[in-house]
Amino acid sequence: MKKHTKWQEFEQHIMTFFSACVYTAGLRKSSDENCNLTEKDIRHVQTEGLLQHLCNNHDLCWDEVCWVKNNPEIQLREPTLKSYTHSERNQFKTMLETIFRIPFGQGIGTIT
């Protein structure tokens, strides 16, 4: 979309993080019958988690998704949001919330 072109350079980060979260959520749900991971939890990691990840705060990152969390000597590849203003970071998060909407009746962590 034209309104999101400002964030186009982050496409690889977004797709990698999104895919890793979906894959990890599916693995967690299929391997742990007591997994209480909800769609809300997954969406939070995909939006707020990715935002924080790109600001070099990895507290919300899942170990399976982010290698930097347990290896702080690893540097995030550019682009990052470290030098962006609070307002710009909020715009980025809003964009993520817009593009990560789930179609009605579908879920990320659904076991078939």
C-alpha atoms as a PDB file:
ATOM      1  CA  MET A   1       0.000   0.000   0.000  1.00  0.00           C
ATOM      2  CA  LYS A   2       1.141   3.471  -0.790  1.00  0.00           C
ATOM      3  CA  LYS A   3       0.540   4.741   2.746  1.00  0.00           C
ATOM      4  CA  HIS A   4       3.093   2.256   4.113  1.00  0.00           C
ATOM      5  CA  THR A   5       5.931   3.036   1.675  1.00  0.00           C
ATOM      6  CA  LYS A   6       7.824   4.825   4.453  1.00  0.00           C
ATOM      7  CA  TRP A   7       8.344   1.423   6.067  1.00  0.00           C
ATOM      8  CA  GLN A   8       9.191  -0.526   2.916  1.00  0.00           C
ATOM      9  CA  GLU A   9      12.842  -0.898   3.905  1.00  0.00           C
ATOM     10  CA  PHE A  10      11.676  -2.884   6.960  1.00  0.00           C
ATOM     11  CA  GLU A  11       9.882  -5.494   4.826  1.00  0.00           C
ATOM     12  CA  GLN A  12      12.488  -8.220   5.371  1.00  0.00           C
ATOM     13  CA  HIS A  13      12.480  -7.699   9.150  1.00  0.00           C
ATOM     14  CA  ILE A  14       8.679  -7.745   9.235  1.00  0.00           C
ATOM     15  CA  MET A  15       8.269 -10.879   7.121  1.00  0.00           C
ATOM     16  CA  THR A  16      11.029 -12.790   8.905  1.00  0.00           C
ATOM     17  CA  PHE A  17       9.698 -11.936  12.369  1.00  0.00           C
ATOM     18  CA  PHE A  18       6.064 -12.571  11.403  1.00  0.00           C
ATOM     19  CA  SER A  19       6.845 -15.957   9.835  1.00  0.00           C
ATOM     20  CA  ALA A  20       9.035 -17.023  12.751  1.00  0.00           C
ATOM     21  CA  CYS A  21       6.257 -16.147  15.217  1.00  0.00           C
ATOM     22  CA  VAL A  22       3.661 -18.120  13.251  1.00  0.00           C
ATOM     23  CA  TYR A  23       5.969 -21.123  12.941  1.00  0.00           C
ATOM     24  CA  THR A  24       6.972 -21.009  16.623  1.00  0.00           C
ATOM     25  CA  ALA A  25       3.373 -20.633  17.805  1.00  0.00           C
ATOM     26  CA  GLY A  26       2.360 -23.662  15.735  1.00  0.00           C
ATOM     27  CA  LEU A  27       5.234 -25.727  17.124  1.00  0.00           C
ATOM     28  CA  ARG A  28       4.466 -24.706  20.689  1.00  0.00           C
ATOM     29  CA  LYS A  29       0.784 -25.561  20.302  1.00  0.00           C
ATOM     30  CA  SER A  30       1.438 -28.905  18.625  1.00  0.00           C
ATOM     31  CA  SER A  31       4.136 -30.040  21.071  1.00  0.00           C
ATOM     32  CA  ASP A  32       2.514 -28.910  24.324  1.00  0.00           C
ATOM     33  CA  GLU A  33      -1.089 -29.906  24.909  1.00  0.00           C
ATOM     34  CA  ASN A  34      -1.169 -27.515  27.883  1.00  0.00           C
ATOM     35  CA  CYS A  35       0.030 -24.562  25.791  1.00  0.00           C
ATOM     36  CA  ASN A  36      -2.127 -21.586  26.714  1.00  0.00           C
ATOM     37  CA  LEU A  37      -0.812 -19.371  23.912  1.00  0.00           C
ATOM     38  CA  THR A  38      -3.654 -17.254  22.514  1.00  0.00           C
ATOM     39  CA  GLU A  39      -4.097 -15.297  19.298  1.00  0.00           C
ATOM     40  CA  LYS A  40      -3.807 -12.155  21.430  1.00  0.00           C
ATOM     41  CA  ASP A  41      -0.399 -13.317  22.733  1.00  0.00           C
ATOM     42  CA  ILE A  42       0.841 -14.028  19.219  1.00  0.00           C
ATOM     43  CA  ARG A  43      -0.421 -10.712  17.886  1.00  0.00           C
ATOM     44  CA  HIS A  44       1.281  -8.883  20.779  1.00  0.00           C
ATOM     45  CA  VAL A  45       4.637 -10.502  19.983  1.00  0.00           C
ATOM     46  CA  GLN A  46       4.200  -9.752  16.275  1.00  0.00           C
ATOM     47  CA  THR A  47       3.458  -6.062  16.835  1.00  0.00           C
ATOM     48  CA  GLU A  48       4.850  -4.795  20.134  1.00  0.00           C
ATOM     49  CA  GLY A  49       7.520  -7.517  20.157  1.00  0.00           C
ATOM     50  CA  LEU A  50       8.767  -6.597  16.687  1.00  0.00           C
ATOM     51  CA  LEU A  51       8.660  -2.885  17.516  1.00  0.00           C
ATOM     52  CA  GLN A  52      10.746  -3.452  20.654  1.00  0.00           C
ATOM     53  CA  HIS A  53      13.042  -5.870  18.802  1.00  0.00           C
ATOM     54  CA  LEU A  54      13.835  -3.203  16.210  1.00  0.00           C
ATOM     55  CA  CYS A  55      14.496  -0.724  19.053  1.00  0.00           C
ATOM     56  CA  ASN A  56      17.061  -3.234  20.412  1.00  0.00           C
ATOM     57  CA  ASN A  57      14.918  -4.279  23.394  1.00  0.00           C
ATOM     58  CA  HIS A  58      14.463  -8.049  23.274  1.00  0.00           C
ATOM     59  CA  ASP A  59      12.470  -8.624  26.482  1.00  0.00           C
ATOM     60  CA  LEU A  60       9.306  -9.555  24.540  1.00  0.00           C
ATOM     61  CA  CYS A  61      11.102 -11.673  21.929  1.00  0.00           C
ATOM     62  CA  TRP A  62      10.677 -15.425  21.952  1.00  0.00           C
ATOM     63  CA  ASP A  63      13.957 -17.350  22.134  1.00  0.00           C
ATOM     64  CA  GLU A  64      13.045 -19.292  18.975  1.00  0.00           C
ATOM     65  CA  VAL A  65      12.440 -16.079  17.022  1.00  0.00           C
ATOM     66  CA  CYS A  66      15.253 -13.806  18.173  1.00  0.00           C
ATOM     67  CA  TRP A  67      18.878 -14.895  18.507  1.00  0.00           C
ATOM     68  CA  VAL A  68      19.882 -11.514  19.912  1.00  0.00           C
ATOM     69  CA  LYS A  69      17.853 -12.144  23.082  1.00  0.00           C
ATOM     70  CA  ASN A  70      20.338 -14.696  24.405  1.00  0.00           C
ATOM     71  CA  ASN A  71      23.333 -13.416  22.454  1.00  0.00           C
ATOM     72  CA  PRO A  72      23.551  -9.653  23.074  1.00  0.00           C
ATOM     73  CA  GLU A  73      26.844  -9.466  21.190  1.00  0.00           C
ATOM     74  CA  ILE A  74      24.900 -10.031  17.953  1.00  0.00           C
ATOM     75  CA  GLN A  75      23.962  -6.773  16.239  1.00  0.00           C
ATOM     76  CA  LEU A  76      20.646  -6.262  14.479  1.00  0.00           C
ATOM     77  CA  ARG A  77      21.032  -5.654  10.788  1.00  0.00           C
ATOM     78  CA  GLU A  78      19.872  -2.312   9.478  1.00  0.00           C
ATOM     79  CA  PRO A  79      17.393  -0.810   9.247  1.00  0.00           C
ATOM     80  CA  THR A  80      16.386  -0.524  12.902  1.00  0.00           C
ATOM     81  CA  LEU A  81      14.122   1.841  14.791  1.00  0.00           C
ATOM     82  CA  LYS A  82      16.775   2.874  17.322  1.00  0.00           C
ATOM     83  CA  SER A  83      17.114   6.411  15.961  1.00  0.00           C
ATOM     84  CA  TYR A  84      13.406   6.964  15.251  1.00  0.00           C
ATOM     85  CA  THR A  85      11.229   9.244  17.386  1.00  0.00           C
ATOM     86  CA  HIS A  86       8.517   7.957  19.702  1.00  0.00           C
ATOM     87  CA  SER A  87       5.901   9.252  17.252  1.00  0.00           C
ATOM     88  CA  GLU A  88       7.512   7.432  14.312  1.00  0.00           C
ATOM     89  CA  ARG A  89       7.694   4.228  16.347  1.00  0.00           C
ATOM     90  CA  ASN A  90       3.979   4.528  17.097  1.00  0.00           C
ATOM     91  CA  GLN A  91       3.313   4.981  13.362  1.00  0.00           C
ATOM     92  CA  PHE A  92       5.311   1.804  12.695  1.00  0.00           C
ATOM     93  CA  LYS A  93       3.314  -0.119  15.307  1.00  0.00           C
ATOM     94  CA  THR A  94       0.030   1.161  13.856  1.00  0.00           C
ATOM     95  CA  MET A  95       1.157   0.005  10.421  1.00  0.00           C
ATOM     96  CA  LEU A  96       1.962  -3.456  11.822  1.00  0.00           C
ATOM     97  CA  GLU A  97      -1.452  -3.682  13.488  1.00  0.00           C
ATOM     98  CA  THR A  98      -3.041  -2.788  10.147  1.00  0.00           C
ATOM     99  CA  ILE A  99      -1.180  -5.351   8.038  1.00  0.00           C
ATOM    100  CA  PHE A 100      -1.303  -8.197  10.593  1.00  0.00           C
ATOM    101  CA  ARG A 101      -5.087  -8.424  10.764  1.00  0.00           C
ATOM    102  CA  ILE A 102      -6.411 -11.976  10.669  1.00  0.00           C
ATOM    103  CA  PRO A 103      -9.291 -12.765   8.312  1.00  0.00           C
ATOM    104  CA  PHE A 104     -12.518 -13.497  10.187  1.00  0.00           C
ATOM    105  CA  GLY A 105     -12.784 -17.137  11.257  1.00  0.00           C
ATOM    106  CA  GLN A 106      -9.089 -17.866  10.887  1.00  0.00           C
ATOM    107  CA  GLY A 107      -6.306 -18.034  13.423  1.00  0.00           C
ATOM    108  CA  ILE A 108      -2.560 -18.259  13.557  1.00  0.00           C
ATOM    109  CA  GLY A 109      -2.139 -20.984  16.143  1.00  0.00           C
ATOM    110  CA  THR A 110      -5.018 -23.206  15.084  1.00  0.00           C
ATOM    111  CA  ILE A 111      -4.300 -26.942  15.054  1.00  0.00           C
ATOM    112  CA  THR A 112      -5.983 -28.813  12.228  1.00  0.00           C
END
